[in-house]
Amino acid sequence: MMGANGAVLLSLLIYAALIYGAVRLIKYFIRYGIDYYFQKLDARQTEQEK
């Protein structure tokens, strides 16, 4: 069996990996969400100009 320190270290590593993954996912959604929003905004403006 692992010692108490090993279990704490393992749980901290798992939490760190989850937080890291969540932050990367949020950054991805923010970046591509903004790009998508401006594409839609541009398409709407060119449609109104016609």
C-alpha atoms as a PDB file:
ATOM      1  CA  MET A   1       0.000   0.000   0.000  1.00  0.00           C
ATOM      2  CA  MET A   2       0.991   3.596  -0.563  1.00  0.00           C
ATOM      3  CA  GLY A   3       1.780   5.820   2.368  1.00  0.00           C
ATOM      4  CA  ALA A   4      -0.351   8.787   3.312  1.00  0.00           C
ATOM      5  CA  ASN A   5       2.054  11.171   1.597  1.00  0.00           C
ATOM      6  CA  GLY A   6       1.872   9.191  -1.641  1.00  0.00           C
ATOM      7  CA  ALA A   7      -1.925   9.230  -1.623  1.00  0.00           C
ATOM      8  CA  VAL A   8      -1.994  12.983  -1.031  1.00  0.00           C
ATOM      9  CA  LEU A   9       0.542  13.547  -3.793  1.00  0.00           C
ATOM     10  CA  LEU A  10      -1.409  11.365  -6.208  1.00  0.00           C
ATOM     11  CA  SER A  11      -4.678  13.174  -5.476  1.00  0.00           C
ATOM     12  CA  LEU A  12      -2.973  16.558  -5.911  1.00  0.00           C
ATOM     13  CA  LEU A  13      -1.563  15.447  -9.256  1.00  0.00           C
ATOM     14  CA  ILE A  14      -5.011  14.300 -10.392  1.00  0.00           C
ATOM     15  CA  TYR A  15      -6.592  17.597  -9.304  1.00  0.00           C
ATOM     16  CA  ALA A  16      -3.827  19.570 -11.041  1.00  0.00           C
ATOM     17  CA  ALA A  17      -4.367  17.622 -14.263  1.00  0.00           C
ATOM     18  CA  LEU A  18      -8.126  18.226 -14.129  1.00  0.00           C
ATOM     19  CA  ILE A  19      -7.695  21.948 -13.499  1.00  0.00           C
ATOM     20  CA  TYR A  20      -5.122  22.201 -16.298  1.00  0.00           C
ATOM     21  CA  GLY A  21      -7.474  20.455 -18.722  1.00  0.00           C
ATOM     22  CA  ALA A  22     -10.409  22.644 -17.708  1.00  0.00           C
ATOM     23  CA  VAL A  23      -8.386  25.834 -18.177  1.00  0.00           C
ATOM     24  CA  ARG A  24      -7.233  24.737 -21.638  1.00  0.00           C
ATOM     25  CA  LEU A  25     -10.811  23.868 -22.608  1.00  0.00           C
ATOM     26  CA  ILE A  26     -12.117  27.235 -21.408  1.00  0.00           C
ATOM     27  CA  LYS A  27      -9.375  29.084 -23.320  1.00  0.00           C
ATOM     28  CA  TYR A  28     -10.247  27.087 -26.451  1.00  0.00           C
ATOM     29  CA  PHE A  29     -13.953  27.909 -26.173  1.00  0.00           C
ATOM     30  CA  ILE A  30     -13.246  31.588 -25.526  1.00  0.00           C
ATOM     31  CA  ARG A  31     -10.888  31.889 -28.503  1.00  0.00           C
ATOM     32  CA  TYR A  32     -13.087  30.102 -31.009  1.00  0.00           C
ATOM     33  CA  GLY A  33     -16.296  31.512 -29.554  1.00  0.00           C
ATOM     34  CA  ILE A  34     -15.030  35.041 -30.172  1.00  0.00           C
ATOM     35  CA  ASP A  35     -13.965  34.136 -33.715  1.00  0.00           C
ATOM     36  CA  TYR A  36     -17.372  32.597 -34.372  1.00  0.00           C
ATOM     37  CA  TYR A  37     -19.165  35.644 -32.945  1.00  0.00           C
ATOM     38  CA  PHE A  38     -17.247  38.060 -35.185  1.00  0.00           C
ATOM     39  CA  GLN A  39     -17.843  35.884 -38.249  1.00  0.00           C
ATOM     40  CA  LYS A  40     -21.576  35.930 -37.562  1.00  0.00           C
ATOM     41  CA  LEU A  41     -21.508  39.670 -36.888  1.00  0.00           C
ATOM     42  CA  ASP A  42     -19.658  40.290 -40.152  1.00  0.00           C
ATOM     43  CA  ALA A  43     -22.084  38.099 -42.082  1.00  0.00           C
ATOM     44  CA  ARG A  44     -25.035  39.970 -40.566  1.00  0.00           C
ATOM     45  CA  GLN A  45     -23.552  43.378 -41.441  1.00  0.00           C
ATOM     46  CA  THR A  46     -22.836  42.429 -45.061  1.00  0.00           C
ATOM     47  CA  GLU A  47     -26.374  41.042 -45.326  1.00  0.00           C
ATOM     48  CA  GLN A  48     -27.873  44.343 -44.121  1.00  0.00           C
ATOM     49  CA  GLU A  49     -25.787  46.384 -46.567  1.00  0.00           C
ATOM     50  CA  LYS A  50     -27.294  44.643 -49.589  1.00  0.00           C
END
